[in-house]
C-alpha atoms as a PDB file:
ATOM      1  CA  ILE A   1       0.000   0.000   0.000  1.00  0.00           C
ATOM      2  CA  ALA A   2       1.331   3.452  -0.917  1.00  0.00           C
ATOM      3  CA  ASP A   3      -0.557   6.757  -0.900  1.00  0.00           C
ATOM      4  CA  GLY A   4      -3.909   5.023  -0.463  1.00  0.00           C
ATOM      5  CA  ILE A   5      -3.368   2.587  -3.340  1.00  0.00           C
ATOM      6  CA  VAL A   6      -3.023  -1.189  -2.984  1.00  0.00           C
ATOM      7  CA  TYR A   7      -0.663  -2.816  -5.490  1.00  0.00           C
ATOM      8  CA  VAL A   8      -0.902  -6.556  -6.031  1.00  0.00           C
ATOM      9  CA  GLY A   9       0.377  -9.080  -8.549  1.00  0.00           C
ATOM     10  CA  SER A  10      -1.889 -11.820  -9.847  1.00  0.00           C
ATOM     11  CA  TYR A  11      -1.788 -15.154 -11.606  1.00  0.00           C
ATOM     12  CA  ASP A  12      -3.813 -13.426 -14.341  1.00  0.00           C
ATOM     13  CA  LYS A  13      -0.498 -11.882 -15.506  1.00  0.00           C
ATOM     14  CA  HIS A  14      -1.421  -8.370 -14.355  1.00  0.00           C
ATOM     15  CA  VAL A  15      -0.260  -6.033 -11.633  1.00  0.00           C
ATOM     16  CA  HIS A  16      -3.353  -4.341 -10.232  1.00  0.00           C
ATOM     17  CA  ALA A  17      -3.591  -0.927  -8.568  1.00  0.00           C
ATOM     18  CA  VAL A  18      -6.727  -0.627  -6.421  1.00  0.00           C
ATOM     19  CA  ARG A  19      -7.942   2.199  -4.185  1.00  0.00           C
ATOM     20  CA  ALA A  20      -7.715   1.130  -0.568  1.00  0.00           C
ATOM     21  CA  ASP A  21     -10.868   2.949   0.529  1.00  0.00           C
ATOM     22  CA  ASP A  22     -13.377   1.520  -1.926  1.00  0.00           C
ATOM     23  CA  GLY A  23     -11.624  -1.208  -3.950  1.00  0.00           C
ATOM     24  CA  SER A  24     -12.047   0.536  -7.270  1.00  0.00           C
ATOM     25  CA  GLN A  25      -9.430  -0.169  -9.904  1.00  0.00           C
ATOM     26  CA  VAL A  26      -6.947   2.536 -10.847  1.00  0.00           C
ATOM     27  CA  TRP A  27      -5.117   0.511 -13.467  1.00  0.00           C
ATOM     28  CA  ALA A  28      -4.100  -3.010 -14.444  1.00  0.00           C
ATOM     29  CA  SER A  29      -0.713  -3.545 -16.079  1.00  0.00           C
ATOM     30  CA  TRP A  30      -0.123  -6.563 -18.324  1.00  0.00           C
ATOM     31  CA  THR A  31       3.161  -8.372 -17.624  1.00  0.00           C
ATOM     32  CA  ASN A  32       2.956 -11.329 -20.030  1.00  0.00           C
ATOM     33  CA  SER A  33       3.648 -13.899 -17.273  1.00  0.00           C
ATOM     34  CA  HIS A  34       2.228 -15.163 -13.998  1.00  0.00           C
ATOM     35  CA  LEU A  35       3.077 -13.194 -10.856  1.00  0.00           C
ATOM     36  CA  PHE A  36       4.041 -14.736  -7.523  1.00  0.00           C
ATOM     37  CA  SER A  37       6.016 -11.813  -6.104  1.00  0.00           C
ATOM     38  CA  SER A  38       4.488  -9.143  -3.868  1.00  0.00           C
ATOM     39  CA  PRO A  39       5.203  -5.685  -5.337  1.00  0.00           C
ATOM     40  CA  THR A  40       7.461  -3.170  -3.621  1.00  0.00           C
ATOM     41  CA  VAL A  41       6.708   0.536  -4.100  1.00  0.00           C
ATOM     42  CA  ALA A  42       9.403   3.202  -3.836  1.00  0.00           C
ATOM     43  CA  ASN A  43       9.628   6.741  -5.229  1.00  0.00           C
ATOM     44  CA  GLY A  44       6.575   6.358  -7.428  1.00  0.00           C
ATOM     45  CA  VAL A  45       7.697   3.076  -8.972  1.00  0.00           C
ATOM     46  CA  VAL A  46       6.270  -0.419  -8.481  1.00  0.00           C
ATOM     47  CA  TYR A  47       8.901  -3.167  -8.585  1.00  0.00           C
ATOM     48  CA  VAL A  48       7.724  -6.755  -8.978  1.00  0.00           C
ATOM     49  CA  GLY A  49       9.030 -10.142 -10.053  1.00  0.00           C
ATOM     50  CA  SER A  50       7.309 -12.381 -12.589  1.00  0.00           C
ATOM     51  CA  ALA A  51       7.770 -15.834 -14.088  1.00  0.00           C
ATOM     52  CA  ASN A  52      10.552 -14.549 -16.330  1.00  0.00           C
ATOM     53  CA  SER A  53      11.582 -11.028 -15.351  1.00  0.00           C
ATOM     54  CA  LEU A  54      11.955  -8.177 -12.884  1.00  0.00           C
ATOM     55  CA  LEU A  55       9.781  -5.202 -13.800  1.00  0.00           C
ATOM     56  CA  ALA A  56       9.570  -1.520 -12.896  1.00  0.00           C
ATOM     57  CA  ILE A  57       6.104  -0.030 -13.405  1.00  0.00           C
ATOM     58  CA  ASP A  58       4.993   3.605 -13.107  1.00  0.00           C
ATOM     59  CA  ALA A  59       2.750   3.802 -10.036  1.00  0.00           C
ATOM     60  CA  ARG A  60       0.680   6.592 -11.620  1.00  0.00           C
ATOM     61  CA  ASP A  61      -0.580   4.831 -14.723  1.00  0.00           C
ATOM     62  CA  GLY A  62       0.841   1.285 -14.840  1.00  0.00           C
ATOM     63  CA  GLY A  63       3.197   2.016 -17.708  1.00  0.00           C
ATOM     64  CA  HIS A  64       6.339  -0.103 -17.931  1.00  0.00           C
ATOM     65  CA  LEU A  65       9.562   1.762 -17.165  1.00  0.00           C
ATOM     66  CA  TRP A  66      11.967  -1.127 -17.624  1.00  0.00           C
ATOM     67  CA  ARG A  67      12.162  -4.909 -17.629  1.00  0.00           C
ATOM     68  CA  TYR A  68      15.110  -7.180 -16.849  1.00  0.00           C
ATOM     69  CA  GLN A  69      14.805 -10.667 -18.313  1.00  0.00           C
ATOM     70  CA  THR A  70      15.685 -13.453 -15.858  1.00  0.00           C
ATOM     71  CA  ASP A  71      16.348 -17.088 -16.675  1.00  0.00           C
ATOM     72  CA  ARG A  72      13.630 -18.286 -14.301  1.00  0.00           C
ATOM     73  CA  THR A  73      10.903 -17.116 -11.895  1.00  0.00           C
ATOM     74  CA  VAL A  74      11.366 -14.254  -9.445  1.00  0.00           C
ATOM     75  CA  HIS A  75       9.258 -15.462  -6.536  1.00  0.00           C
ATOM     76  CA  GLY A  76      10.364 -13.170  -3.711  1.00  0.00           C
ATOM     77  CA  SER A  77       9.572  -9.512  -3.276  1.00  0.00           C
ATOM     78  CA  PRO A  78      12.178  -7.015  -4.464  1.00  0.00           C
ATOM     79  CA  THR A  79      14.056  -5.030  -1.838  1.00  0.00           C
ATOM     80  CA  VAL A  80      14.614  -1.356  -2.679  1.00  0.00           C
ATOM     81  CA  GLU A  81      17.400   0.468  -0.874  1.00  0.00           C
ATOM     82  CA  GLY A  82      19.539   3.485  -1.731  1.00  0.00           C
ATOM     83  CA  GLY A  83      18.480   3.691  -5.373  1.00  0.00           C
ATOM     84  CA  PHE A  84      18.981  -0.002  -6.046  1.00  0.00           C
ATOM     85  CA  VAL A  85      16.749  -3.068  -6.325  1.00  0.00           C
ATOM     86  CA  TYR A  86      17.810  -6.423  -4.860  1.00  0.00           C
ATOM     87  CA  VAL A  87      16.091  -9.675  -5.767  1.00  0.00           C
ATOM     88  CA  GLY A  88      16.611 -13.435  -5.836  1.00  0.00           C
ATOM     89  CA  SER A  89      15.484 -15.852  -8.531  1.00  0.00           C
ATOM     90  CA  TYR A  90      14.817 -19.490  -9.325  1.00  0.00           C
ATOM     91  CA  ASP A  91      17.918 -19.263 -11.519  1.00  0.00           C
ATOM     92  CA  TRP A  92      19.945 -19.533  -8.260  1.00  0.00           C
ATOM     93  CA  HIS A  93      21.141 -15.909  -8.411  1.00  0.00           C
ATOM     94  CA  VAL A  94      20.846 -12.845  -6.216  1.00  0.00           C
ATOM     95  CA  GLY A  95      21.070  -9.614  -8.177  1.00  0.00           C
ATOM     96  CA  LYS A  96      21.498  -5.893  -7.574  1.00  0.00           C
ATOM     97  CA  PHE A  97      19.976  -3.538 -10.151  1.00  0.00           C
ATOM     98  CA  ASP A  98      19.909   0.196 -10.742  1.00  0.00           C
ATOM     99  CA  ALA A  99      16.408   1.235  -9.687  1.00  0.00           C
ATOM    100  CA  SER A 100      16.138   3.914 -12.396  1.00  0.00           C
ATOM    101  CA  THR A 101      17.421   1.996 -15.404  1.00  0.00           C
ATOM    102  CA  GLY A 102      17.202  -1.710 -14.526  1.00  0.00           C
ATOM    103  CA  ASP A 103      20.887  -2.166 -15.347  1.00  0.00           C
ATOM    104  CA  LEU A 104      22.481  -5.113 -13.553  1.00  0.00           C
ATOM    105  CA  VAL A 105      25.129  -3.966 -11.059  1.00  0.00           C
ATOM    106  CA  TRP A 106      26.189  -7.430  -9.932  1.00  0.00           C
ATOM    107  CA  SER A 107      24.941 -10.988  -9.616  1.00  0.00           C
ATOM    108  CA  TYR A 108      25.942 -13.739  -7.207  1.00  0.00           C
ATOM    109  CA  LYS A 109      25.158 -17.409  -7.825  1.00  0.00           C
ATOM    110  CA  THR A 110      24.151 -19.631  -4.917  1.00  0.00           C
ATOM    111  CA  ASN A 111      23.768 -23.396  -5.251  1.00  0.00           C
ATOM    112  CA  ASN A 112      19.975 -23.562  -5.519  1.00  0.00           C
ATOM    113  CA  ILE A 113      16.879 -21.411  -6.044  1.00  0.00           C
ATOM    114  CA  VAL A 114      16.412 -18.190  -4.074  1.00  0.00           C
ATOM    115  CA  PHE A 115      12.909 -17.506  -2.737  1.00  0.00           C
ATOM    116  CA  SER A 116      14.192 -15.194  -0.028  1.00  0.00           C
ATOM    117  CA  SER A 117      13.961 -11.404  -0.301  1.00  0.00           C
ATOM    118  CA  PRO A 118      17.351  -9.842   0.495  1.00  0.00           C
ATOM    119  CA  ALA A 119      17.952  -7.600   3.497  1.00  0.00           C
ATOM    120  CA  VAL A 120      20.454  -4.766   3.158  1.00  0.00           C
ATOM    121  CA  ALA A 121      22.246  -3.330   6.182  1.00  0.00           C
ATOM    122  CA  ASN A 122      25.552  -1.521   6.722  1.00  0.00           C
ATOM    123  CA  GLY A 123      26.934  -2.288   3.297  1.00  0.00           C
ATOM    124  CA  VAL A 124      26.042  -5.979   3.360  1.00  0.00           C
ATOM    125  CA  VAL A 125      23.314  -7.936   1.545  1.00  0.00           C
ATOM    126  CA  TYR A 126      21.847 -10.878   3.466  1.00  0.00           C
ATOM    127  CA  VAL A 127      19.754 -13.574   1.768  1.00  0.00           C
ATOM    128  CA  GLY A 128      18.698 -17.189   2.160  1.00  0.00           C
ATOM    129  CA  SER A 129      18.877 -19.955  -0.451  1.00  0.00           C
ATOM    130  CA  ALA A 130      17.331 -23.363  -0.962  1.00  0.00           C
ATOM    131  CA  ASP A 131      20.909 -24.701  -0.838  1.00  0.00           C
ATOM    132  CA  HIS A 132      20.499 -24.605   2.994  1.00  0.00           C
ATOM    133  CA  HIS A 133      22.653 -21.498   3.458  1.00  0.00           C
ATOM    134  CA  VAL A 134      22.296 -17.913   4.598  1.00  0.00           C
ATOM    135  CA  TYR A 135      24.649 -15.621   2.663  1.00  0.00           C
ATOM    136  CA  ALA A 136      26.266 -12.275   3.402  1.00  0.00           C
ATOM    137  CA  LEU A 137      27.480 -10.439   0.287  1.00  0.00           C
ATOM    138  CA  ASP A 138      29.336  -7.172  -0.162  1.00  0.00           C
ATOM    139  CA  ASP A 139      26.858  -4.532  -1.322  1.00  0.00           C
ATOM    140  CA  ASP A 140      29.404  -2.836  -3.577  1.00  0.00           C
ATOM    141  CA  ASP A 141      30.367  -5.747  -5.806  1.00  0.00           C
ATOM    142  CA  GLY A 142      28.402  -8.819  -4.642  1.00  0.00           C
ATOM    143  CA  SER A 143      31.490 -10.589  -3.409  1.00  0.00           C
ATOM    144  CA  PHE A 144      31.152 -13.336  -0.807  1.00  0.00           C
ATOM    145  CA  ILE A 145      31.660 -12.372   2.854  1.00  0.00           C
ATOM    146  CA  TRP A 146      30.330 -15.394   4.744  1.00  0.00           C
ATOM    147  CA  SER A 147      27.726 -18.126   4.702  1.00  0.00           C
ATOM    148  CA  PHE A 148      26.018 -20.101   7.430  1.00  0.00           C
ATOM    149  CA  LYS A 149      24.736 -23.617   6.810  1.00  0.00           C
ATOM    150  CA  THR A 150      21.358 -24.619   8.234  1.00  0.00           C
ATOM    151  CA  GLY A 151      19.794 -28.058   8.186  1.00  0.00           C
ATOM    152  CA  HIS A 152      17.490 -27.446   5.225  1.00  0.00           C
ATOM    153  CA  ALA A 153      16.315 -24.914   2.648  1.00  0.00           C
ATOM    154  CA  VAL A 154      16.116 -21.253   3.672  1.00  0.00           C
ATOM    155  CA  HIS A 155      13.074 -19.828   1.900  1.00  0.00           C
ATOM    156  CA  ALA A 156      12.353 -17.134   4.492  1.00  0.00           C
ATOM    157  CA  SER A 157      13.677 -13.595   4.303  1.00  0.00           C
ATOM    158  CA  PRO A 158      16.152 -12.347   6.899  1.00  0.00           C
ATOM    159  CA  ILE A 159      15.876  -9.262   9.071  1.00  0.00           C
ATOM    160  CA  VAL A 160      18.829  -7.444  10.610  1.00  0.00           C
ATOM    161  CA  VAL A 161      18.446  -5.765  14.003  1.00  0.00           C
ATOM    162  CA  ASP A 162      21.254  -4.435  16.198  1.00  0.00           C
ATOM    163  CA  GLY A 163      23.951  -6.386  14.414  1.00  0.00           C
ATOM    164  CA  ILE A 164      22.070  -9.698  14.450  1.00  0.00           C
ATOM    165  CA  VAL A 165      20.607 -11.512  11.444  1.00  0.00           C
ATOM    166  CA  TYR A 166      17.382 -13.352  12.290  1.00  0.00           C
ATOM    167  CA  ILE A 167      16.061 -16.007   9.919  1.00  0.00           C
ATOM    168  CA  SER A 168      14.083 -19.250   9.945  1.00  0.00           C
ATOM    169  CA  SER A 169      14.805 -22.432   8.010  1.00  0.00           C
ATOM    170  CA  TYR A 170      12.947 -25.457   6.712  1.00  0.00           C
ATOM    171  CA  ASP A 171      14.826 -27.421   9.395  1.00  0.00           C
ATOM    172  CA  ASP A 172      12.242 -26.088  11.907  1.00  0.00           C
ATOM    173  CA  THR A 173      14.778 -23.755  13.506  1.00  0.00           C
ATOM    174  CA  VAL A 174      14.956 -20.013  14.088  1.00  0.00           C
ATOM    175  CA  TYR A 175      18.524 -18.678  13.927  1.00  0.00           C
ATOM    176  CA  ALA A 176      20.228 -15.563  15.264  1.00  0.00           C
ATOM    177  CA  LEU A 177      23.559 -14.942  13.511  1.00  0.00           C
ATOM    178  CA  ASP A 178      26.264 -12.357  14.037  1.00  0.00           C
ATOM    179  CA  ALA A 179      25.911  -9.965  11.101  1.00  0.00           C
ATOM    180  CA  ASP A 180      29.665  -9.396  10.839  1.00  0.00           C
ATOM    181  CA  ASP A 181      30.986 -12.950  10.652  1.00  0.00           C
ATOM    182  CA  GLY A 182      27.943 -15.263  10.454  1.00  0.00           C
ATOM    183  CA  SER A 183      28.696 -17.024  13.721  1.00  0.00           C
ATOM    184  CA  LEU A 184      25.758 -18.546  15.561  1.00  0.00           C
ATOM    185  CA  VAL A 185      24.487 -16.389  18.427  1.00  0.00           C
ATOM    186  CA  TRP A 186      21.582 -18.682  19.306  1.00  0.00           C
ATOM    187  CA  SER A 187      19.095 -21.031  17.696  1.00  0.00           C
ATOM    188  CA  LEU A 188      15.736 -22.375  18.790  1.00  0.00           C
ATOM    189  CA  LYS A 189      13.343 -25.096  17.689  1.00  0.00           C
ATOM    190  CA  PRO A 190      10.011 -23.898  19.094  1.00  0.00           C
ATOM    191  CA  GLY A 191       8.021 -26.815  17.697  1.00  0.00           C
ATOM    192  CA  GLY A 192       6.857 -25.978  14.190  1.00  0.00           C
ATOM    193  CA  GLN A 193       7.894 -26.119  10.540  1.00  0.00           C
ATOM    194  CA  PHE A 194       9.109 -22.738   9.316  1.00  0.00           C
ATOM    195  CA  ALA A 195       9.111 -23.353   5.582  1.00  0.00           C
ATOM    196  CA  TRP A 196       8.182 -19.844   4.413  1.00  0.00           C
ATOM    197  CA  SER A 197       7.611 -17.538   7.367  1.00  0.00           C
ATOM    198  CA  SER A 198       9.990 -14.607   7.787  1.00  0.00           C
ATOM    199  CA  PRO A 199      10.534 -13.332  11.314  1.00  0.00           C
ATOM    200  CA  THR A 200       9.711  -9.850  12.554  1.00  0.00           C
ATOM    201  CA  ILE A 201      10.679  -8.115  15.790  1.00  0.00           C
ATOM    202  CA  SER A 202       8.853  -5.655  18.012  1.00  0.00           C
ATOM    203  CA  ASP A 203       9.725  -4.541  21.569  1.00  0.00           C
ATOM    204  CA  GLY A 204      12.303  -7.282  22.041  1.00  0.00           C
ATOM    205  CA  ILE A 205       9.968 -10.069  20.904  1.00  0.00           C
ATOM    206  CA  LEU A 206      10.555 -12.093  17.742  1.00  0.00           C
ATOM    207  CA  TYR A 207       7.405 -13.278  15.972  1.00  0.00           C
ATOM    208  CA  VAL A 208       7.417 -16.086  13.440  1.00  0.00           C
ATOM    209  CA  ALA A 209       4.674 -18.304  12.046  1.00  0.00           C
ATOM    210  CA  ALA A 210       4.833 -22.051  11.448  1.00  0.00           C
ATOM    211  CA  ASN A 211       2.969 -23.504   8.493  1.00  0.00           C
ATOM    212  CA  SER A 212       2.734 -26.755  10.437  1.00  0.00           C
ATOM    213  CA  PRO A 213       1.025 -27.042  12.897  1.00  0.00           C
ATOM    214  CA  GLY A 214      -0.340 -23.588  11.944  1.00  0.00           C
ATOM    215  CA  ARG A 215       0.860 -21.601  14.952  1.00  0.00           C
ATOM    216  CA  LEU A 216       2.304 -18.163  15.604  1.00  0.00           C
ATOM    217  CA  PHE A 217       5.276 -18.088  17.978  1.00  0.00           C
ATOM    218  CA  ALA A 218       6.446 -15.159  20.106  1.00  0.00           C
ATOM    219  CA  ILE A 219      10.061 -15.623  21.214  1.00  0.00           C
ATOM    220  CA  ALA A 220      11.772 -13.463  23.818  1.00  0.00           C
ATOM    221  CA  ILE A 221      15.145 -12.389  22.437  1.00  0.00           C
ATOM    222  CA  PRO A 222      17.923 -13.192  24.926  1.00  0.00           C
ATOM    223  CA  GLY A 223      19.375 -10.103  26.593  1.00  0.00           C
ATOM    224  CA  GLN A 224      16.461  -7.837  25.708  1.00  0.00           C
END
């Protein structure tokens, strides 16, 4: 939602802009492929992934500003930070793009598909991969800084708070990692399967949902 407008991608191959107050349609933009990604809106532009590309769409009228062709589906939501767009893809890559032009700045290849939406903090890009790892990459050139191996695929998106990277994995574990070196700060198996849920934090409490058995967990962060 931005400026009273709800932006949503659909399997009907359109991005829809709908007024939040009454549900009336502002525009529908044809993308030529199915959409799984949730749009991100920044500076009057809607960024969204599709089955074969990353798109930038004018939030005013739905016109296409640029398109970057990917080898496979962009499932996660784009992250927009500092004039750049960060996104992962089924083609195993994480990419950084110029938000104005769509030009590729750098690309890093993991060892499996990337559902996770990257988090950017203090010059580092953090992202999970289905290859069981959490990665930290240099924001300037995409070079490898560190990785942490979990017990299964990491489809969730990380968050970074006070120098700690929080992320859940398909191995039913929530992890807290040191943002600088990737060392394990703590981990917890609260009793659910965290295949897709990304954690969030408020007032020293970490919240994360389990798709099985369908529960929401509130976890007190140690030391807070």
